[in-house]
Amino acid sequence: MIGYLTGKALFEVDKMLILDVRDVGYSIYVTEPTLNWALIQNKVSLWIFPVIRENIFDLYGFETKNELYFFKKLLGVSGVGPKSALGIIALASTDTLYQAIVSNNIDFLTSVPGIGKKTAERMCIELKDNLKDYNPETPNTFKDNDSDVVDALIALGYSPSQAYSSLAKVDPAITEVNERIRLALKFIQ
């Protein structure tokens, strides 16, 4: 089974990333932020989850282990398929998704196309206990408004892990959102 791939992102076809791994092109479903990030990188490494059915062999790619973890957990919820799970992961960082699920933030979860109120409620109920072994990507030193900073960095084309790692280097004493964004941009690798 394919679990991890490293290669050169060639281009996008039908919302899939074509990843060249030793002259073999793999079509991989990824979130839009990951796609935008991957297309500007020289080398891309993705955690892979294959979905195999009767006449389907799809690959889903994730930048972090936590995204893969959430994807697997979401697939266990009745009414959530691979494309819906990928849409949920594209909403925000896994830390934000975790907080939305454990705090029953139904409005946040229903912002994904195809996820209605009942499915969002089912996700919160079924996943609340299943996420006990979740390890946050970010330490607890982040500010309440840092989700705005991360979202801004992602909108600029950076990956969630780049956004969080650069934000971790910003002085926690600085509280103004625009200043935190400006400083985080200096630390992005």
Foldseek 3Di string as FASTA:
>chain_A
DDFKAKAAFDDDDPQWTFGQGPNDTATEHAAPLVRLQRNVDGMAMWTWDWDDDDPDTHIYTDRDVLLVVQLVLQCPFPQADNVLSRQQCNLADSVVVLCCLCVVVQVSSVVRPSQDSVSSNSSSVSCNVVCPVPDDPADPLDDPCVRVLLVVVSVVRHDSNQSRVLLVPDDSVDDDSVVSNVSSVVRGD
